[in-house]
Amino acid sequence: MADEEVLLQRLRNREENSIDEAIEIYTPYLSTVLYNMAGSGLPKEDVEEIISDVFVTLWRNAEYIDLKKGTLRSYIAAVARNFGLKRLNRKKDHTSIEDVEIPDERNLAEETSKTDLVWNAVMSLGEPDNEIFVRRYKFDEKIRDISNAMGLNISTVKTRLSRGKRKLRKILSEAEERL
């Protein structure tokens, strides 16, 4: 992809705002990658920290990235998965009873379950629809910005959002019927 080549070259040249552009373009995608990998196993703070670490790694290693071996998007996704797996393994090894918080609200489990259900439904839409939904409804991006960042027509983004909403309504109503 020519845009990735240009961005990578700007990162290599340490051009002003190049890392900011990468952050703007790839943060929603990385959130999706990490959610698909870990579900709700990583707290929001951990996800944010991992994403920050990915961009630090991108900045430090830009000169070593070879786009002949894959896209910039696949490179940062692999870095995010590696950081995510390390974080998950560290959590398994170091969880103590003091780290476990016991909620005192009865509805917390129900709300968490509903949130997980919604996000699982969004993730079940597959690429690129789940990324479009994350960008639009989690990061509140404008349709035009989503279109530019993902290289899609504005009408395509609108259509995917509309069809995705119909699919989500169906998935969520079927899940409610089972409950």
Protein backbone atom coordinates (compact mmCIF):
# COMPACT_ATOMS: atom_id res chain seq x y z
CA MET A 1 0.00 0.00 0.00
CA ALA A 2 1.49 3.30 -1.10
CA ASP A 3 0.13 5.22 1.89
CA GLU A 4 1.88 2.83 4.28
CA GLU A 5 5.14 3.28 2.39
CA VAL A 6 4.85 7.05 2.65
CA LEU A 7 4.00 6.90 6.35
CA LEU A 8 6.84 4.49 7.06
CA GLN A 9 9.29 6.73 5.22
CA ARG A 10 8.07 9.73 7.22
CA LEU A 11 8.59 7.72 10.43
CA ARG A 12 12.10 6.75 9.31
CA ASN A 13 12.87 10.41 8.59
CA ARG A 14 11.47 11.32 12.03
CA GLU A 15 9.14 13.82 10.42
CA GLU A 16 7.05 15.95 12.71
CA ASN A 17 3.58 14.50 13.35
CA SER A 18 4.31 11.19 11.57
CA ILE A 19 3.86 9.18 14.77
CA ASP A 20 0.71 11.18 15.57
CA GLU A 21 -0.67 10.20 12.18
CA ALA A 22 0.15 6.54 12.80
CA ILE A 23 -1.55 6.73 16.20
CA GLU A 24 -4.67 8.28 14.70
CA ILE A 25 -4.86 5.73 11.90
CA TYR A 26 -4.05 2.53 13.80
CA THR A 27 -5.31 2.94 17.39
CA PRO A 28 -8.85 1.71 16.71
CA TYR A 29 -7.48 -1.21 14.71
CA LEU A 30 -5.11 -2.18 17.53
CA SER A 31 -7.98 -1.99 20.04
CA THR A 32 -9.90 -4.43 17.85
CA VAL A 33 -6.89 -6.74 17.53
CA LEU A 34 -6.36 -6.80 21.30
CA TYR A 35 -10.06 -7.34 22.02
CA ASN A 36 -10.23 -10.21 19.52
CA MET A 37 -7.17 -11.73 21.17
CA ALA A 38 -8.04 -11.28 24.84
CA GLY A 39 -11.71 -10.37 25.08
CA SER A 40 -12.31 -8.72 28.42
CA GLY A 41 -9.16 -10.38 29.83
CA LEU A 42 -7.25 -7.12 29.50
CA PRO A 43 -8.46 -4.05 31.38
CA LYS A 44 -8.83 -0.80 29.43
CA GLU A 45 -5.71 0.61 31.11
CA ASP A 46 -3.64 -2.39 29.96
CA VAL A 47 -4.94 -2.07 26.41
CA GLU A 48 -4.04 1.64 26.36
CA GLU A 49 -0.56 0.88 27.71
CA ILE A 50 0.01 -1.89 25.16
CA ILE A 51 -1.07 0.39 22.33
CA SER A 52 1.34 3.06 23.56
CA ASP A 53 4.11 0.46 23.69
CA VAL A 54 3.31 -0.58 20.11
CA PHE A 55 3.79 2.97 18.86
CA VAL A 56 7.03 3.38 20.81
CA THR A 57 8.24 0.16 19.17
CA LEU A 58 7.12 1.42 15.75
CA TRP A 59 9.02 4.67 16.28
CA ARG A 60 12.18 2.87 17.43
CA ASN A 61 12.12 0.18 14.74
CA ALA A 62 10.79 2.07 11.70
CA GLU A 63 14.09 1.80 9.86
CA TYR A 64 14.10 -2.01 10.22
CA ILE A 65 10.57 -2.65 8.97
CA ASP A 66 10.50 -4.31 5.55
CA LEU A 67 7.21 -3.83 3.72
CA LYS A 68 8.19 -6.61 1.30
CA LYS A 69 7.56 -9.04 4.17
CA GLY A 70 4.13 -7.64 5.03
CA THR A 71 2.14 -4.48 5.61
CA LEU A 72 2.72 -1.92 8.32
CA ARG A 73 -0.72 -2.82 9.64
CA SER A 74 0.26 -6.48 10.01
CA TYR A 75 3.55 -5.51 11.68
CA ILE A 76 1.88 -3.41 14.38
CA ALA A 77 -0.84 -6.04 14.86
CA ALA A 78 1.83 -8.67 15.50
CA VAL A 79 3.62 -6.38 17.95
CA ALA A 80 0.32 -5.70 19.75
CA ARG A 81 -0.48 -9.42 19.97
CA ASN A 82 2.97 -10.15 21.39
CA PHE A 83 2.65 -7.42 24.02
CA GLY A 84 -0.89 -8.59 24.80
CA LEU A 85 0.18 -12.21 25.27
CA LYS A 86 3.04 -11.15 27.53
CA ARG A 87 0.64 -9.07 29.61
CA LEU A 88 -1.88 -11.90 29.88
CA ASN A 89 0.83 -14.38 30.89
CA ARG A 90 2.19 -11.95 33.49
CA LYS A 91 -1.31 -11.52 34.93
CA LYS A 92 -1.76 -15.29 35.23
CA ASP A 93 1.56 -15.63 37.03
CA HIS A 94 1.13 -12.72 39.45
CA THR A 95 -2.50 -12.59 40.52
CA SER A 96 -2.83 -12.56 44.27
CA ILE A 97 -5.87 -12.40 46.49
CA GLU A 98 -5.12 -8.72 47.19
CA ASP A 99 -5.48 -7.98 43.48
CA VAL A 100 -8.98 -9.41 43.28
CA GLU A 101 -11.67 -6.82 43.74
CA ILE A 102 -15.07 -7.98 44.90
CA PRO A 103 -17.78 -5.68 43.58
CA ASP A 104 -20.47 -4.72 46.01
CA GLU A 105 -23.09 -3.93 43.37
CA ARG A 106 -25.32 -6.81 42.35
CA ASN A 107 -25.89 -5.41 38.87
CA LEU A 108 -22.19 -5.24 38.02
CA ALA A 109 -22.05 -8.84 36.78
CA GLU A 110 -25.17 -8.33 34.69
CA GLU A 111 -23.83 -5.09 33.17
CA THR A 112 -20.45 -6.67 32.47
CA SER A 113 -22.19 -9.59 30.82
CA LYS A 114 -24.26 -7.24 28.61
CA THR A 115 -21.17 -5.22 27.65
CA ASP A 116 -19.27 -8.40 26.78
CA LEU A 117 -22.26 -9.62 24.77
CA VAL A 118 -22.41 -6.40 22.75
CA TRP A 119 -18.67 -6.31 22.07
CA ASN A 120 -18.60 -10.01 21.19
CA ALA A 121 -21.42 -9.32 18.75
CA VAL A 122 -19.49 -6.40 17.23
CA MET A 123 -16.35 -8.51 16.92
CA SER A 124 -18.37 -11.29 15.26
CA LEU A 125 -19.07 -8.94 12.35
CA GLY A 126 -15.52 -9.58 11.12
CA GLU A 127 -13.08 -7.27 9.36
CA PRO A 128 -13.48 -4.52 8.28
CA ASP A 129 -16.93 -4.09 9.86
CA ASN A 130 -15.78 -4.54 13.45
CA GLU A 131 -13.03 -1.96 12.94
CA ILE A 132 -15.55 0.48 11.45
CA PHE A 133 -17.82 -0.01 14.49
CA VAL A 134 -14.95 0.45 16.95
CA ARG A 135 -13.81 3.61 15.18
CA ARG A 136 -17.35 5.03 14.98
CA TYR A 137 -18.88 4.06 18.31
CA LYS A 138 -15.95 3.59 20.67
CA PHE A 139 -13.67 6.35 19.38
CA ASP A 140 -16.46 8.56 18.01
CA GLU A 141 -14.72 9.10 14.68
CA LYS A 142 -16.53 10.83 11.85
CA ILE A 143 -17.54 8.70 8.91
CA ARG A 144 -15.33 10.78 6.61
CA ASP A 145 -12.30 10.15 8.86
CA ILE A 146 -13.03 6.41 8.98
CA SER A 147 -13.33 6.40 5.20
CA ASN A 148 -9.96 8.13 4.78
CA ALA A 149 -8.15 6.03 7.38
CA MET A 150 -9.39 2.72 5.99
CA GLY A 151 -9.28 3.62 2.29
CA LEU A 152 -13.01 3.05 1.81
CA ASN A 153 -15.67 5.18 0.13
CA ILE A 154 -17.88 7.16 2.48
CA SER A 155 -20.93 5.37 1.08
CA THR A 156 -19.28 2.01 1.76
CA VAL A 157 -18.68 2.96 5.40
CA LYS A 158 -22.30 4.12 5.77
CA THR A 159 -23.60 0.92 4.15
CA ARG A 160 -21.43 -1.29 6.37
CA LEU A 161 -22.64 0.59 9.46
CA SER A 162 -26.27 0.22 8.42
CA ARG A 163 -25.98 -3.48 7.60
CA GLY A 164 -23.89 -4.06 10.72
CA LYS A 165 -26.57 -2.46 12.91
CA ARG A 166 -29.19 -4.80 11.43
CA LYS A 167 -26.93 -7.80 12.07
CA LEU A 168 -26.26 -6.63 15.64
CA ARG A 169 -29.98 -6.18 16.35
CA LYS A 170 -30.58 -9.73 15.16
CA ILE A 171 -27.64 -11.18 17.13
CA LEU A 172 -28.59 -9.33 20.32
CA SER A 173 -32.31 -10.14 20.09
CA GLU A 174 -31.48 -13.83 19.59
CA ALA A 175 -29.15 -13.69 22.61
CA GLU A 176 -31.88 -12.04 24.71
CA GLU A 177 -34.32 -14.78 23.74
CA ARG A 178 -31.85 -17.40 24.96
CA LEU A 179 -31.51 -15.64 28.32
